[in-house]
Amino acid sequence: MYGEYPYDNYSVVKANFIYGGMEYPNLVLITDKVDSTFYEIIVHETAHQWWYGVVGNDQLTESWIDEGLAEYSTALFYYKNPQYNKTLDDYVNDATTSYKLFVSVYMQVIKNADTTMNRRLDQYTTEYEYVTMVYNKSTIMFDEIRKSAGYDKFISALKKVYDSCKFDFVSEEKLKEVFATTLSPEVPSLMDSFILGKAII
């Protein structure tokens, strides 16, 4: 969808690994403890070959970019592959439910939920908070952009990001710039509402 895979080889390796999966250039590790989500993890980690492996970003300060694009690519996989009996909307609805649960739990327990996405890795207080903001909220954000622009235009914009940033880095500002010129000048403001924690979900 985004551009040609530029290397000759790609390996998916099942291993005694603590997390579901982990991306490396031309290689991903997939845990041998995985259940029925096995293929979903492979899709997410494979998407990292484009969003991290070819188009890099600052994973310390803007981890939502590569993780968000890899996660949303998993949602798009279901759109393109209905034989897996899950839809893009199902995937986004799951992310939305998880996000709302996080906000509800944090508001009940500590009376505060930091919903900003523009944080360094060490500024997330828990793994739960990190996963919610970096994976789930970015999925919801990219879906809102896709819905406002239309599927074909959104994919064209991601192709533009890939073409203009391959073998280089994409930053939040560059991503907004490409989206503004290929989709709409209003997209950066939409993104800011999510990134700065102002969007009501």
Protein backbone atom coordinates (compact mmCIF):
# COMPACT_ATOMS: atom_id res chain seq x y z
CA MET A 1 0.00 0.00 0.00
CA TYR A 2 2.73 2.48 0.89
CA GLY A 3 5.64 1.57 -1.34
CA GLU A 4 7.86 -1.31 -2.30
CA TYR A 5 9.73 -3.24 0.38
CA PRO A 6 13.32 -2.30 -0.53
CA TYR A 7 15.21 -5.36 0.68
CA ASP A 8 15.65 -8.91 -0.57
CA ASN A 9 14.85 -10.68 2.70
CA TYR A 10 12.44 -10.47 5.59
CA SER A 11 12.33 -12.99 8.44
CA VAL A 12 9.58 -13.66 10.99
CA VAL A 13 11.08 -15.64 13.85
CA LYS A 14 9.09 -17.37 16.59
CA ALA A 15 11.08 -17.23 19.82
CA ASN A 16 10.92 -17.45 23.58
CA PHE A 17 10.21 -13.74 23.81
CA ILE A 18 8.48 -11.90 26.66
CA TYR A 19 6.35 -9.51 24.59
CA GLY A 20 4.08 -10.25 21.64
CA GLY A 21 6.60 -9.14 19.08
CA MET A 22 9.54 -6.86 18.39
CA GLU A 23 10.66 -5.23 15.18
CA TYR A 24 14.17 -5.01 13.78
CA PRO A 25 15.29 -4.16 10.24
CA ASN A 26 14.47 -7.18 8.02
CA LEU A 27 13.57 -9.25 11.08
CA VAL A 28 10.82 -9.53 13.67
CA LEU A 29 10.59 -11.70 16.76
CA ILE A 30 7.19 -13.19 17.60
CA THR A 31 6.59 -14.80 20.96
CA ASP A 32 6.05 -18.55 21.05
CA LYS A 33 3.43 -17.96 23.78
CA VAL A 34 1.06 -16.19 21.41
CA ASP A 35 -2.59 -17.21 21.01
CA SER A 36 -5.15 -16.50 18.30
CA THR A 37 -3.72 -12.99 17.76
CA PHE A 38 -0.60 -14.53 16.20
CA TYR A 39 -1.23 -13.14 12.70
CA GLU A 40 -2.22 -9.73 14.11
CA ILE A 41 1.15 -9.41 15.82
CA ILE A 42 2.91 -10.44 12.61
CA VAL A 43 1.00 -7.79 10.65
CA HIS A 44 1.86 -5.05 13.17
CA GLU A 45 5.54 -5.99 13.30
CA THR A 46 5.69 -6.32 9.51
CA ALA A 47 4.23 -2.82 9.13
CA HIS A 48 7.22 -1.61 11.13
CA GLN A 49 9.42 -2.53 8.18
CA TRP A 50 7.88 0.56 6.53
CA TRP A 51 7.23 2.67 9.64
CA TYR A 52 10.52 2.46 11.50
CA GLY A 53 12.61 0.32 9.15
CA VAL A 54 12.46 2.55 6.04
CA VAL A 55 10.84 5.71 7.41
CA GLY A 56 12.46 6.35 10.76
CA ASN A 57 11.37 8.65 13.56
CA ASP A 58 12.48 9.67 17.04
CA GLN A 59 11.12 6.75 19.05
CA LEU A 60 12.13 8.35 22.33
CA THR A 61 10.09 11.55 21.93
CA GLU A 62 7.57 10.69 19.19
CA SER A 63 6.94 6.99 19.61
CA TRP A 64 3.30 7.44 18.56
CA ILE A 65 4.43 7.96 14.95
CA ASP A 66 5.89 4.55 14.11
CA GLU A 67 3.80 2.61 16.62
CA GLY A 68 0.65 4.45 15.58
CA LEU A 69 1.25 3.92 11.88
CA ALA A 70 2.10 0.25 12.43
CA GLU A 71 -0.99 -0.21 14.58
CA TYR A 72 -3.26 1.55 12.11
CA SER A 73 -1.71 -0.50 9.31
CA THR A 74 -3.02 -3.53 11.19
CA ALA A 75 -6.51 -2.04 11.04
CA LEU A 76 -6.04 -1.42 7.31
CA PHE A 77 -4.96 -5.05 6.91
CA TYR A 78 -8.43 -6.11 7.99
CA TYR A 79 -9.97 -3.67 5.52
CA LYS A 80 -7.99 -5.29 2.70
CA ASN A 81 -8.40 -8.88 3.99
CA PRO A 82 -12.01 -9.57 5.04
CA GLN A 83 -11.33 -13.31 5.19
CA TYR A 84 -9.96 -12.80 8.72
CA ASN A 85 -13.50 -12.02 9.94
CA LYS A 86 -12.58 -8.68 11.48
CA THR A 87 -13.17 -5.24 10.02
CA LEU A 88 -11.27 -1.99 10.18
CA ASP A 89 -14.15 -0.61 12.27
CA ASP A 90 -13.90 -3.56 14.67
CA TYR A 91 -10.23 -2.83 15.21
CA VAL A 92 -10.78 0.90 15.76
CA ASN A 93 -13.76 0.22 18.04
CA ASP A 94 -11.55 -2.05 20.17
CA ALA A 95 -8.95 0.73 20.42
CA THR A 96 -11.67 3.24 21.34
CA THR A 97 -13.11 0.97 24.02
CA SER A 98 -9.65 0.44 25.52
CA TYR A 99 -8.96 4.16 25.47
CA LYS A 100 -12.25 5.03 27.18
CA LEU A 101 -11.65 2.35 29.81
CA PHE A 102 -8.21 3.80 30.55
CA VAL A 103 -9.63 7.31 31.02
CA SER A 104 -12.45 5.99 33.21
CA VAL A 105 -10.12 3.94 35.44
CA TYR A 106 -7.60 6.76 35.87
CA MET A 107 -10.30 9.33 36.64
CA GLN A 108 -11.85 7.04 39.24
CA VAL A 109 -8.59 5.96 40.88
CA ILE A 110 -6.28 9.01 40.72
CA LYS A 111 -8.76 11.69 39.55
CA ASN A 112 -6.58 12.56 36.57
CA ALA A 113 -5.84 11.09 33.14
CA ASP A 114 -3.01 12.60 31.12
CA THR A 115 -4.18 12.05 27.54
CA THR A 116 -1.30 13.80 25.78
CA MET A 117 0.69 11.87 23.20
CA ASN A 118 3.70 14.20 22.85
CA ARG A 119 5.72 12.76 25.72
CA ARG A 120 9.10 11.15 26.04
CA LEU A 121 9.05 7.44 26.86
CA ASP A 122 10.16 8.11 30.43
CA GLN A 123 7.21 10.46 30.99
CA TYR A 124 4.63 7.69 30.78
CA THR A 125 3.92 6.54 34.32
CA THR A 126 2.83 3.00 33.42
CA GLU A 127 2.96 0.61 30.48
CA TYR A 128 -0.86 0.76 30.44
CA GLU A 129 -0.73 4.53 29.91
CA TYR A 130 1.93 4.17 27.19
CA VAL A 131 0.00 1.52 25.24
CA THR A 132 -3.22 3.52 25.50
CA MET A 133 -1.75 6.78 24.23
CA VAL A 134 0.79 5.47 21.71
CA TYR A 135 -1.12 2.53 20.21
CA ASN A 136 -4.83 3.03 20.85
CA LYS A 137 -5.18 6.80 20.71
CA SER A 138 -3.01 7.13 17.61
CA THR A 139 -5.15 4.45 15.92
CA ILE A 140 -8.26 6.50 16.69
CA MET A 141 -6.55 9.67 15.41
CA PHE A 142 -5.40 8.13 12.11
CA ASP A 143 -8.88 6.70 11.61
CA GLU A 144 -10.45 10.13 12.07
CA ILE A 145 -8.07 11.50 9.43
CA ARG A 146 -8.91 8.61 7.09
CA LYS A 147 -12.65 9.13 7.57
CA SER A 148 -12.41 12.88 6.93
CA ALA A 149 -10.20 12.52 3.84
CA GLY A 150 -11.51 9.28 2.38
CA TYR A 151 -9.66 6.00 2.10
CA ASP A 152 -7.92 6.58 -1.24
CA LYS A 153 -6.69 10.07 -0.36
CA PHE A 154 -5.46 8.88 3.03
CA ILE A 155 -3.45 6.02 1.49
CA SER A 156 -2.05 8.46 -1.09
CA ALA A 157 -0.93 10.73 1.75
CA LEU A 158 0.84 7.84 3.50
CA LYS A 159 2.52 6.95 0.20
CA LYS A 160 3.72 10.55 0.02
CA VAL A 161 5.11 10.30 3.57
CA TYR A 162 6.89 7.08 2.59
CA ASP A 163 8.29 8.49 -0.66
CA SER A 164 9.46 11.76 0.84
CA CYS A 165 10.93 10.30 4.04
CA LYS A 166 12.28 6.86 3.10
CA PHE A 167 15.77 6.18 4.41
CA ASP A 168 15.33 9.30 6.53
CA PHE A 169 13.26 10.48 9.49
CA VAL A 170 9.70 11.75 9.70
CA SER A 171 8.84 14.11 12.54
CA GLU A 172 5.47 15.24 13.83
CA GLU A 173 5.91 18.50 11.91
CA LYS A 174 6.82 16.74 8.66
CA LEU A 175 3.86 14.39 9.00
CA LYS A 176 1.54 17.37 9.52
CA GLU A 177 3.09 19.16 6.56
CA VAL A 178 2.51 16.23 4.20
CA PHE A 179 -1.04 15.71 5.46
CA ALA A 180 -1.80 19.43 5.15
CA THR A 181 -0.64 19.57 1.52
CA THR A 182 -2.08 16.23 0.38
CA LEU A 183 -5.28 16.05 2.44
CA SER A 184 -6.39 19.35 3.98
CA PRO A 185 -4.82 22.36 5.75
CA GLU A 186 -7.12 21.50 8.67
CA VAL A 187 -5.56 18.09 9.38
CA PRO A 188 -2.70 19.46 11.57
CA SER A 189 -5.28 21.06 13.89
CA LEU A 190 -7.16 17.76 14.10
CA MET A 191 -3.90 16.00 14.94
CA ASP A 192 -3.06 18.61 17.60
CA SER A 193 -6.40 18.02 19.32
CA PHE A 194 -5.37 14.37 19.81
CA ILE A 195 -1.67 14.89 20.46
CA LEU A 196 -2.19 17.65 23.03
CA GLY A 197 -5.00 15.77 24.80
CA LYS A 198 -7.83 18.14 23.86
CA ALA A 199 -9.93 15.77 21.75
CA ILE A 200 -12.96 14.31 23.49
CA ILE A 201 -13.23 10.61 22.66
